[in-house]
Amino acid sequence: MVAPAFTIFINHTHVAWAELWSGGSMDSSSDAPLLAARWEEPGSTSRRWCREAAQLAGLAAPMVVVMLLQVTMQFISTVMVGHLGDVALAGAAIANSLTNVSGFSVLIGLAGGLETLCGQAYGAEQYHTLSLCTYRSIIALLVVSVPISIVWCFIPEVLPLMGQEPQIANEAGKYALWLIPGLFAFGVTQCFSKFLQCQSLIFPMVLSSLITIAVFLPLCWFMVYKVGMGNAGAALSVSICDWVEVTFLGLYIKFSPSCEKTRAPPSWEAFRGIGSFMRLAVPSALMICLEWWSYELLVLLSGMLPNPALETSVLSICVSTMILLANLPYGIGIATSVRVSNELGAGNTQGPRLVVCVALSIVVCSAFLVSTTLLLLRHFIGIAFSNEEEVRRYVTRMVPLLSISAITDSLMAVLQGVSRGCGWQHLGAYVNLGAFYLVGIPVALYFGFAMQLRAKGFWIGILAGGATQVTLLSVITATTNWNKMADKAKERIFEDRLPTQ
């Protein structure tokens, strides 16, 4: 009874969403992807430009909603744990930081390899290859989750060696331990999400996020306060909701008519090409993690500055603000990756050029809008995070630097999307290594310590790293041979078939 009911529900929601984005003119029986387009379609350059902008917006907007809902869930858990006391909140905060750095960021990065493989396979209409790549990624991420979960088990023993108080280390260990069941679901969710993204099927991800947060709110309250599990209850609620989300997406993929062509039953063939997936997944993970880790490293180093409590608080507020603001450009970056990979897979060498130009135009406009808004609200940002007047004034002085970061981060998000769509994540990894660890962090240490600019000096280092990254990625993108990229996409897609041809 469950499967037929779910199928009826999926059919209705799929048609409703299609009509919404097509202005009510879409035939519900059409098998064409909702937002698919081909460069060969007739029309003037301005019409193609507008059509591409509409497609990017149609992909990016729901992705921004998905990411905001995910941030909201983390915010809710932090608020609920915060009412348990300073020790519980500190333990949860440290555990979140450690698990993000050592686990969730790694899985997000590894799944980024699918943006190349699935996107190009879908553009080439090689739907069986798309399914195979998804199965391979699921296997790989589940295997990688095992050593990550083992590392998390030793957090209570490791933190005291790093100078952390035993009581806080114990709370952090409990929180991380109860996140382990959700780690495996999180990895599969990332794979399902990429599978849907490459087909421009974003609505099920929005719906699953809405359902997840609707379940999480009462569940977290019940586990934390009624069951009395404390911060462990919040972590367990996160794990349960991870499984709720992966279950919903799995059911959607299995029963939705929009996935009829692209879904395929599991086979042993999936095990054969895991190496080809990892060749893209590992540099993709490095590209994400090297940048992520540089921010965390600077926050840790801020504890060595004079008045470390103030400096660390201000840097944490700045990082949190930029993470929130990054949702918009990151959504555009994902849309760019999807469109570039689809066009390359279809063998269109002019299409990716248009995608890049339109995406950069959109993100530049949005970046200047966000940057200006930050400057106008500079006196109010600190109020949202702290009651301390000293912290508020310090954050206000940092906002001009944040407004510049908003521009560089926006450009970076789109350029990284281009790299994932093309499949040159290895170049992105080298760029991030050089930009942040050879330029950004040394500059941050020089201005932070030697020039005694403290947190402001650290952020100057972040800006230097971001500017270097954007410059190098811009050069690589501008000099990209799209004909060669299309040929590589064809080789990559048909790699599994070469031995039998």
Protein backbone atom coordinates (compact mmCIF):
# COMPACT_ATOMS: atom_id res chain seq x y z
CA MET A 1 0.00 0.00 0.00
CA VAL A 2 2.86 2.39 0.75
CA ALA A 3 4.52 2.12 -2.67
CA PRO A 4 1.37 2.85 -4.78
CA ALA A 5 0.44 5.77 -2.54
CA PHE A 6 3.94 7.20 -2.76
CA THR A 7 3.89 6.76 -6.55
CA ILE A 8 0.61 8.70 -6.86
CA PHE A 9 1.99 11.43 -4.62
CA ILE A 10 5.20 11.68 -6.68
CA ASN A 11 3.26 11.85 -9.95
CA HIS A 12 1.11 14.74 -8.74
CA THR A 13 3.98 16.73 -7.25
CA HIS A 14 6.16 16.17 -10.33
CA VAL A 15 3.46 17.52 -12.66
CA ALA A 16 2.70 20.46 -10.36
CA TRP A 17 6.37 21.47 -10.15
CA ALA A 18 6.80 21.12 -13.92
CA GLU A 19 3.80 23.38 -14.56
CA LEU A 20 5.11 25.92 -12.06
CA TRP A 21 8.49 26.33 -13.83
CA SER A 22 7.08 26.10 -17.36
CA GLY A 23 4.28 28.58 -16.83
CA GLY A 24 1.64 25.84 -16.96
CA SER A 25 2.43 24.84 -20.52
CA MET A 26 4.32 21.63 -19.89
CA ASP A 27 2.84 18.35 -20.96
CA SER A 28 2.89 15.99 -17.99
CA SER A 29 3.56 13.06 -20.28
CA SER A 30 6.74 14.56 -21.66
CA ASP A 31 9.92 12.61 -21.00
CA ALA A 32 12.17 15.60 -21.67
CA PRO A 33 14.10 16.99 -18.71
CA LEU A 34 12.29 20.00 -17.30
CA LEU A 35 15.14 22.50 -17.73
CA ALA A 36 17.10 20.78 -20.54
CA ALA A 37 18.24 22.90 -23.45
CA ARG A 38 20.48 22.58 -26.47
CA TRP A 39 22.74 25.18 -27.96
CA GLU A 40 21.43 24.28 -31.41
CA GLU A 41 17.95 25.61 -30.63
CA PRO A 42 17.10 28.57 -32.88
CA GLY A 43 17.06 32.09 -31.51
CA SER A 44 19.06 35.26 -31.26
CA THR A 45 21.99 35.63 -28.91
CA SER A 46 19.89 37.71 -26.50
CA ARG A 47 17.18 35.05 -26.44
CA ARG A 48 19.75 32.33 -25.79
CA TRP A 49 21.26 34.47 -23.05
CA CYS A 50 17.85 34.99 -21.39
CA ARG A 51 16.96 31.33 -21.76
CA GLU A 52 20.24 30.27 -20.14
CA ALA A 53 19.77 32.79 -17.32
CA ALA A 54 16.28 31.38 -16.68
CA GLN A 55 17.65 27.84 -16.58
CA LEU A 56 20.43 28.76 -14.17
CA ALA A 57 17.99 30.62 -11.94
CA GLY A 58 15.54 27.71 -12.05
CA LEU A 59 18.30 25.38 -10.85
CA ALA A 60 19.99 27.71 -8.38
CA ALA A 61 16.93 29.08 -6.53
CA PRO A 62 15.67 25.72 -5.18
CA MET A 63 19.24 24.70 -4.33
CA VAL A 64 19.59 27.83 -2.20
CA VAL A 65 16.37 26.86 -0.42
CA VAL A 66 17.73 23.36 0.24
CA MET A 67 20.97 24.69 1.71
CA LEU A 68 19.18 27.26 3.86
CA LEU A 69 16.95 24.53 5.27
CA GLN A 70 20.02 22.46 6.12
CA VAL A 71 21.61 25.45 7.89
CA THR A 72 18.34 25.98 9.75
CA MET A 73 18.43 22.41 11.08
CA GLN A 74 21.94 22.92 12.46
CA PHE A 75 20.86 26.25 13.96
CA ILE A 76 17.88 24.62 15.69
CA SER A 77 20.03 21.90 17.23
CA THR A 78 22.52 24.51 18.48
CA VAL A 79 19.74 26.57 20.08
CA MET A 80 18.25 23.56 21.85
CA VAL A 81 21.60 22.34 23.12
CA GLY A 82 22.47 25.88 24.19
CA HIS A 83 19.70 25.79 26.81
CA LEU A 84 21.42 22.83 28.50
CA GLY A 85 24.36 24.94 29.66
CA ASP A 86 27.77 26.17 28.56
CA VAL A 87 29.47 22.77 28.76
CA ALA A 88 26.90 21.03 26.56
CA LEU A 89 26.96 23.89 24.04
CA ALA A 90 30.77 23.97 23.92
CA GLY A 91 30.89 20.19 23.45
CA ALA A 92 28.35 20.31 20.62
CA ALA A 93 30.15 23.22 18.94
CA ILE A 94 33.52 21.47 19.06
CA ALA A 95 31.99 18.20 17.86
CA ASN A 96 30.27 19.96 14.96
CA SER A 97 33.54 21.59 13.95
CA LEU A 98 35.53 18.35 14.15
CA THR A 99 32.94 16.20 12.38
CA ASN A 100 32.54 18.78 9.61
CA VAL A 101 36.29 18.95 9.03
CA SER A 102 37.04 15.24 9.32
CA GLY A 103 33.88 13.71 7.89
CA PHE A 104 31.06 15.64 6.29
CA SER A 105 33.32 17.89 4.20
CA VAL A 106 35.16 14.81 2.91
CA LEU A 107 31.92 13.11 1.81
CA ILE A 108 30.61 16.31 0.21
CA GLY A 109 33.88 16.66 -1.69
CA LEU A 110 33.97 13.03 -2.84
CA ALA A 111 30.40 13.24 -4.09
CA GLY A 112 31.48 16.24 -6.18
CA GLY A 113 33.03 13.81 -8.63
CA LEU A 114 29.49 12.84 -9.63
CA GLU A 115 28.81 16.35 -10.87
CA THR A 116 31.24 15.59 -13.69
CA LEU A 117 30.36 11.97 -14.36
CA CYS A 118 26.57 12.08 -13.98
CA GLY A 119 26.19 15.50 -15.60
CA GLN A 120 28.16 14.54 -18.69
CA ALA A 121 26.50 11.13 -18.93
CA TYR A 122 23.07 12.72 -18.76
CA GLY A 123 24.00 15.26 -21.43
CA ALA A 124 25.14 12.41 -23.68
CA GLU A 125 21.91 10.49 -22.88
CA GLN A 126 23.95 7.57 -21.53
CA TYR A 127 21.48 6.87 -18.75
CA HIS A 128 22.84 3.46 -17.80
CA THR A 129 26.27 5.00 -17.24
CA LEU A 130 24.66 7.64 -15.04
CA SER A 131 23.15 4.94 -12.80
CA LEU A 132 26.41 2.99 -12.68
CA CYS A 133 28.36 6.07 -11.59
CA THR A 134 25.84 6.71 -8.83
CA TYR A 135 26.13 3.15 -7.50
CA ARG A 136 29.92 3.40 -7.58
CA SER A 137 29.84 6.61 -5.60
CA ILE A 138 27.51 5.10 -3.00
CA ILE A 139 29.85 2.13 -2.54
CA ALA A 140 32.90 4.39 -2.28
CA LEU A 141 31.34 6.81 0.20
CA LEU A 142 30.04 3.99 2.41
CA VAL A 143 33.53 2.47 2.53
CA VAL A 144 35.13 5.84 3.34
CA SER A 145 32.57 6.40 6.11
CA VAL A 146 33.91 3.40 8.05
CA PRO A 147 37.37 4.82 8.94
CA ILE A 148 35.81 8.24 9.55
CA SER A 149 33.40 6.76 12.09
CA ILE A 150 36.28 4.94 13.82
CA VAL A 151 38.17 8.24 14.14
CA TRP A 152 35.10 9.87 15.67
CA CYS A 153 34.98 7.20 18.38
CA PHE A 154 38.31 8.46 19.73
CA ILE A 155 37.36 12.14 19.99
CA PRO A 156 36.97 12.02 23.82
CA GLU A 157 40.53 10.69 24.14
CA VAL A 158 42.08 13.03 21.55
CA LEU A 159 40.64 16.36 22.70
CA PRO A 160 42.28 16.36 26.18
CA LEU A 161 45.64 15.81 24.47
CA MET A 162 44.95 19.02 22.54
CA GLY A 163 44.39 20.94 25.77
CA GLN A 164 40.60 20.68 25.93
CA GLU A 165 38.85 20.29 29.28
CA PRO A 166 37.87 16.63 29.97
CA GLN A 167 34.24 17.53 30.67
CA ILE A 168 33.85 19.36 27.36
CA ALA A 169 35.76 16.59 25.54
CA ASN A 170 33.35 14.04 26.97
CA GLU A 171 30.33 16.03 25.76
CA ALA A 172 31.89 16.44 22.32
CA GLY A 173 32.61 12.71 22.20
CA LYS A 174 29.00 11.83 23.00
CA TYR A 175 27.73 14.19 20.34
CA ALA A 176 30.09 12.83 17.67
CA LEU A 177 29.31 9.22 18.61
CA TRP A 178 25.58 9.68 17.99
CA LEU A 179 26.30 11.34 14.65
CA ILE A 180 27.94 8.17 13.33
CA PRO A 181 24.69 6.41 12.27
CA GLY A 182 23.76 9.45 10.23
CA LEU A 183 27.17 9.65 8.57
CA PHE A 184 26.40 6.68 6.32
CA ALA A 185 23.00 8.08 5.37
CA PHE A 186 24.57 11.47 4.70
CA GLY A 187 26.97 9.95 2.17
CA VAL A 188 24.18 8.19 0.29
CA THR A 189 22.10 11.37 0.36
CA GLN A 190 24.94 13.26 -1.32
CA CYS A 191 25.03 10.65 -4.10
CA PHE A 192 21.25 10.75 -4.59
CA SER A 193 21.35 14.54 -4.67
CA LYS A 194 23.99 14.62 -7.41
CA PHE A 195 22.02 12.01 -9.36
CA LEU A 196 18.98 14.29 -9.28
CA GLN A 197 20.90 17.54 -9.79
CA CYS A 198 22.43 16.44 -13.06
CA GLN A 199 18.90 15.87 -14.40
CA SER A 200 17.73 19.29 -13.16
CA LEU A 201 15.39 17.55 -10.72
CA ILE A 202 15.71 19.88 -7.74
CA PHE A 203 12.14 19.78 -6.43
CA PRO A 204 12.46 16.42 -4.62
CA MET A 205 15.48 17.78 -2.76
CA VAL A 206 13.49 20.82 -1.62
CA LEU A 207 10.61 18.60 -0.55
CA SER A 208 12.87 16.16 1.30
CA SER A 209 14.53 19.04 3.15
CA LEU A 210 11.14 20.44 4.17
CA ILE A 211 10.00 17.03 5.41
CA THR A 212 13.30 16.49 7.24
CA ILE A 213 13.17 19.79 9.11
CA ALA A 214 9.49 19.23 9.94
CA VAL A 215 10.44 15.91 11.54
CA PHE A 216 13.60 17.25 13.16
CA LEU A 217 12.05 20.10 15.14
CA PRO A 218 9.73 18.02 17.38
CA LEU A 219 12.10 15.04 17.41
CA CYS A 220 15.06 17.08 18.64
CA TRP A 221 12.94 18.74 21.35
CA PHE A 222 11.65 15.33 22.46
CA MET A 223 15.09 13.67 22.53
CA VAL A 224 16.88 16.56 24.25
CA TYR A 225 14.32 17.53 26.89
CA LYS A 226 11.75 14.74 27.31
CA VAL A 227 13.99 11.69 26.92
CA GLY A 228 16.78 13.56 28.69
CA MET A 229 19.59 12.59 26.32
CA GLY A 230 21.01 16.13 26.28
CA ASN A 231 23.28 17.02 23.38
CA ALA A 232 23.46 13.32 22.44
CA GLY A 233 19.72 13.55 21.77
CA ALA A 234 20.30 16.41 19.33
CA ALA A 235 22.96 14.37 17.52
CA LEU A 236 20.73 11.29 17.40
CA SER A 237 17.93 13.44 15.97
CA VAL A 238 20.28 14.60 13.22
CA SER A 239 21.17 10.97 12.42
CA ILE A 240 17.53 9.89 12.32
CA CYS A 241 16.62 12.77 10.02
CA ASP A 242 19.53 11.91 7.73
CA TRP A 243 17.93 8.51 7.27
CA VAL A 244 14.50 10.11 6.74
CA GLU A 245 15.97 12.24 3.95
CA VAL A 246 17.82 9.41 2.22
CA THR A 247 14.70 7.22 2.41
CA PHE A 248 12.54 9.88 0.80
CA LEU A 249 15.03 10.53 -2.01
CA GLY A 250 15.46 6.80 -2.58
CA LEU A 251 11.69 6.32 -2.88
CA TYR A 252 11.44 9.28 -5.23
CA ILE A 253 14.15 7.89 -7.51
CA LYS A 254 12.52 4.44 -7.48
CA PHE A 255 8.93 5.50 -8.18
CA SER A 256 9.08 8.88 -9.92
CA PRO A 257 8.33 8.86 -13.67
CA SER A 258 10.95 11.59 -14.11
CA CYS A 259 13.66 9.03 -13.23
CA GLU A 260 12.24 6.26 -15.38
CA LYS A 261 15.01 6.43 -17.99
CA THR A 262 17.91 6.99 -15.61
CA ARG A 263 17.28 4.47 -12.84
CA ALA A 264 18.65 0.97 -13.17
CA PRO A 265 18.90 -2.03 -10.84
CA PRO A 266 22.18 -2.56 -8.96
CA SER A 267 24.71 -4.83 -10.64
CA TRP A 268 28.21 -6.13 -10.05
CA GLU A 269 29.33 -3.89 -12.90
CA ALA A 270 29.25 -0.99 -10.42
CA PHE A 271 32.27 -2.43 -8.56
CA ARG A 272 34.41 -2.48 -11.71
CA GLY A 273 34.71 1.28 -12.22
CA ILE A 274 35.14 2.56 -8.67
CA GLY A 275 38.73 3.52 -9.50
CA SER A 276 37.60 5.82 -12.33
CA PHE A 277 35.17 7.49 -9.94
CA MET A 278 37.85 7.97 -7.28
CA ARG A 279 40.19 9.61 -9.80
CA LEU A 280 37.72 12.47 -9.95
CA ALA A 281 36.33 12.19 -6.41
CA VAL A 282 39.63 12.49 -4.52
CA PRO A 283 40.76 15.78 -6.13
CA SER A 284 37.20 17.03 -5.80
CA ALA A 285 37.35 16.31 -2.05
CA LEU A 286 40.76 17.97 -1.80
CA MET A 287 39.44 21.05 -3.58
CA ILE A 288 36.63 21.40 -1.02
CA CYS A 289 38.56 20.35 2.08
CA LEU A 290 41.71 22.40 1.52
CA GLU A 291 39.64 25.56 1.50
CA TRP A 292 37.40 24.47 4.39
CA TRP A 293 40.35 23.43 6.55
CA SER A 294 42.15 26.75 6.01
CA TYR A 295 39.26 28.62 7.64
CA GLU A 296 39.18 26.21 10.59
CA LEU A 297 42.95 26.48 10.99
CA LEU A 298 42.80 30.27 11.25
CA VAL A 299 40.01 30.07 13.83
CA LEU A 300 42.19 27.73 15.90
CA LEU A 301 45.23 29.99 15.50
CA SER A 302 43.18 32.95 16.70
CA GLY A 303 43.38 31.38 20.15
CA MET A 304 47.07 32.36 20.18
CA LEU A 305 46.32 36.07 19.68
CA PRO A 306 46.14 38.57 22.56
CA ASN A 307 42.67 38.42 24.16
CA PRO A 308 41.92 35.08 22.47
CA ALA A 309 38.28 34.95 23.61
CA LEU A 310 37.49 38.19 21.77
CA GLU A 311 39.50 37.35 18.63
CA THR A 312 38.08 33.83 18.34
CA SER A 313 34.52 35.09 18.85
CA VAL A 314 34.90 37.74 16.16
CA LEU A 315 36.48 35.35 13.65
CA SER A 316 33.78 32.75 14.34
CA ILE A 317 31.07 35.36 13.73
CA CYS A 318 32.72 36.40 10.47
CA VAL A 319 33.05 32.81 9.28
CA SER A 320 29.43 32.04 10.23
CA THR A 321 28.23 35.14 8.37
CA MET A 322 30.13 34.21 5.22
CA ILE A 323 28.88 30.61 5.35
CA LEU A 324 25.31 31.92 5.47
CA LEU A 325 25.90 34.35 2.61
CA ALA A 326 27.67 31.65 0.55
CA ASN A 327 24.40 29.78 -0.01
CA LEU A 328 23.38 32.01 -2.92
CA PRO A 329 26.61 31.84 -4.97
CA TYR A 330 27.06 28.16 -4.12
CA GLY A 331 23.60 27.46 -5.53
CA ILE A 332 24.58 29.30 -8.72
CA GLY A 333 27.83 27.32 -8.76
CA ILE A 334 25.94 24.02 -8.62
CA ALA A 335 23.65 25.17 -11.43
CA THR A 336 26.71 26.15 -13.47
CA SER A 337 28.27 22.74 -12.91
CA VAL A 338 25.09 20.98 -14.05
CA ARG A 339 24.71 23.06 -17.19
CA VAL A 340 28.40 22.88 -18.19
CA SER A 341 28.56 19.11 -17.69
CA ASN A 342 25.29 18.55 -19.58
CA GLU A 343 26.47 20.62 -22.54
CA LEU A 344 29.88 18.94 -22.68
CA GLY A 345 28.26 15.51 -22.46
CA ALA A 346 25.99 16.44 -25.37
CA GLY A 347 29.04 17.47 -27.39
CA ASN A 348 28.07 21.14 -27.52
CA THR A 349 31.25 23.22 -27.46
CA GLN A 350 29.56 26.63 -27.63
CA GLY A 351 27.02 25.94 -24.90
CA PRO A 352 29.50 25.92 -21.98
CA ARG A 353 30.90 29.29 -23.07
CA LEU A 354 27.44 30.82 -22.80
CA VAL A 355 26.80 29.13 -19.46
CA VAL A 356 30.01 30.53 -17.98
CA CYS A 357 29.34 34.07 -19.24
CA VAL A 358 25.75 34.11 -18.00
CA ALA A 359 26.62 32.56 -14.63
CA LEU A 360 29.43 35.05 -14.00
CA SER A 361 27.14 37.94 -14.96
CA ILE A 362 24.47 36.77 -12.52
CA VAL A 363 26.87 36.14 -9.68
CA VAL A 364 28.66 39.48 -10.11
CA CYS A 365 25.35 41.35 -9.83
CA SER A 366 24.27 39.33 -6.80
CA ALA A 367 27.70 39.70 -5.18
CA PHE A 368 27.66 43.50 -5.42
CA LEU A 369 24.13 43.52 -4.01
CA VAL A 370 25.16 41.34 -1.06
CA SER A 371 28.34 43.35 -0.53
CA THR A 372 26.43 46.63 -0.46
CA THR A 373 23.84 45.20 1.91
CA LEU A 374 26.59 44.07 4.27
CA LEU A 375 28.06 47.55 4.38
CA LEU A 376 24.67 49.11 5.05
CA LEU A 377 23.97 46.66 7.88
CA ARG A 378 27.46 46.71 9.37
CA HIS A 379 26.24 48.15 12.70
CA PHE A 380 23.62 45.41 13.13
CA ILE A 381 25.51 42.20 12.25
CA GLY A 382 27.30 41.98 15.60
CA ILE A 383 24.03 42.49 17.47
CA ALA A 384 22.65 39.29 15.93
CA PHE A 385 25.51 37.24 17.41
CA SER A 386 26.59 38.82 20.67
CA ASN A 387 25.46 40.97 23.57
CA GLU A 388 29.01 42.20 24.21
CA GLU A 389 29.56 45.78 23.06
CA GLU A 390 33.26 45.15 22.40
CA VAL A 391 32.45 42.21 20.11
CA ARG A 392 29.83 44.27 18.25
CA ARG A 393 32.22 47.14 17.57
CA TYR A 394 34.94 44.73 16.44
CA VAL A 395 32.58 42.99 14.02
CA THR A 396 31.50 46.36 12.62
CA ARG A 397 35.14 47.15 11.81
CA MET A 398 35.48 43.76 10.10
CA VAL A 399 32.46 44.19 7.80
CA PRO A 400 34.28 46.13 5.01
CA LEU A 401 36.62 43.16 4.64
CA LEU A 402 33.63 40.78 4.66
CA SER A 403 32.00 42.80 1.88
CA ILE A 404 35.06 42.20 -0.31
CA SER A 405 35.02 38.50 0.61
CA ALA A 406 31.41 38.33 -0.55
CA ILE A 407 32.58 39.25 -4.06
CA THR A 408 35.58 36.91 -4.22
CA ASP A 409 33.60 34.01 -2.69
CA SER A 410 30.81 34.47 -5.23
CA LEU A 411 33.19 34.38 -8.19
CA MET A 412 34.97 31.42 -6.63
CA ALA A 413 31.73 29.43 -6.29
CA VAL A 414 30.93 29.74 -9.99
CA LEU A 415 34.49 29.03 -11.14
CA GLN A 416 34.61 25.92 -8.96
CA GLY A 417 31.29 24.89 -10.50
CA VAL A 418 32.92 25.18 -13.92
CA SER A 419 35.82 23.00 -12.75
CA ARG A 420 33.45 20.28 -11.52
CA GLY A 421 31.40 20.43 -14.71
CA CYS A 422 34.52 20.09 -16.87
CA GLY A 423 36.22 17.47 -14.73
CA TRP A 424 39.45 19.33 -13.91
CA GLN A 425 39.06 19.10 -10.14
CA HIS A 426 42.74 18.17 -9.91
CA LEU A 427 43.64 21.66 -11.14
CA GLY A 428 41.22 23.12 -8.60
CA ALA A 429 42.93 21.17 -5.84
CA TYR A 430 46.37 22.50 -6.85
CA VAL A 431 44.95 26.02 -7.05
CA ASN A 432 43.43 25.79 -3.56
CA LEU A 433 46.63 24.35 -2.12
CA GLY A 434 48.67 27.21 -3.49
CA ALA A 435 46.11 29.96 -2.89
CA PHE A 436 45.35 29.18 0.75
CA TYR A 437 48.46 27.47 2.08
CA LEU A 438 51.21 29.25 0.13
CA VAL A 439 49.53 32.66 0.02
CA GLY A 440 46.51 32.98 2.30
CA ILE A 441 47.75 31.52 5.58
CA PRO A 442 51.27 33.05 5.43
CA VAL A 443 49.73 36.47 4.70
CA ALA A 444 47.26 35.95 7.55
CA LEU A 445 50.03 35.07 10.00
CA TYR A 446 52.13 38.04 8.91
CA PHE A 447 49.37 40.63 9.25
CA GLY A 448 47.80 38.95 12.27
CA PHE A 449 50.94 38.52 14.37
CA ALA A 450 53.80 40.57 12.90
CA MET A 451 51.68 43.60 11.98
CA GLN A 452 49.50 43.08 15.08
CA LEU A 453 46.24 43.44 13.16
CA ARG A 454 44.92 40.31 14.90
CA ALA A 455 41.58 39.05 13.47
CA LYS A 456 41.58 41.77 10.82
CA GLY A 457 45.02 40.60 9.71
CA PHE A 458 43.78 37.01 9.58
CA TRP A 459 40.92 38.07 7.32
CA ILE A 460 43.31 39.96 5.05
CA GLY A 461 45.04 36.60 4.60
CA ILE A 462 41.70 34.99 3.72
CA LEU A 463 41.11 37.73 1.16
CA ALA A 464 44.59 37.23 -0.31
CA GLY A 465 43.97 33.50 -0.65
CA GLY A 466 40.53 34.03 -2.17
CA ALA A 467 41.80 36.62 -4.66
CA THR A 468 44.65 34.30 -5.70
CA GLN A 469 42.21 31.42 -6.13
CA VAL A 470 39.80 33.48 -8.25
CA THR A 471 42.64 34.80 -10.42
CA LEU A 472 44.08 31.36 -11.13
CA LEU A 473 40.69 29.74 -11.77
CA SER A 474 39.75 32.64 -14.06
CA VAL A 475 42.89 32.12 -16.12
CA ILE A 476 42.26 28.38 -16.38
CA THR A 477 38.62 28.94 -17.38
CA ALA A 478 39.49 31.64 -19.93
CA THR A 479 42.10 29.41 -21.59
CA THR A 480 39.97 26.26 -21.57
CA ASN A 481 39.72 24.47 -24.90
CA TRP A 482 36.04 23.52 -24.96
CA ASN A 483 36.46 21.22 -27.96
CA LYS A 484 39.05 19.28 -25.98
CA MET A 485 36.77 19.23 -22.92
CA ALA A 486 33.95 17.78 -25.03
CA ASP A 487 36.27 15.08 -26.37
CA LYS A 488 37.39 14.20 -22.84
CA ALA A 489 33.77 14.03 -21.74
CA LYS A 490 33.04 11.56 -24.53
CA GLU A 491 36.04 9.41 -23.56
CA ARG A 492 35.00 9.51 -19.91
CA ILE A 493 31.39 8.56 -20.60
CA PHE A 494 32.20 5.66 -22.91
CA GLU A 495 35.17 4.42 -20.87
CA ASP A 496 33.24 1.40 -19.61
CA ARG A 497 32.33 0.36 -23.16
CA LEU A 498 35.78 0.62 -24.74
CA PRO A 499 36.93 -2.93 -23.93
CA THR A 500 33.83 -4.45 -25.53
CA GLN A 501 33.79 -2.40 -28.69
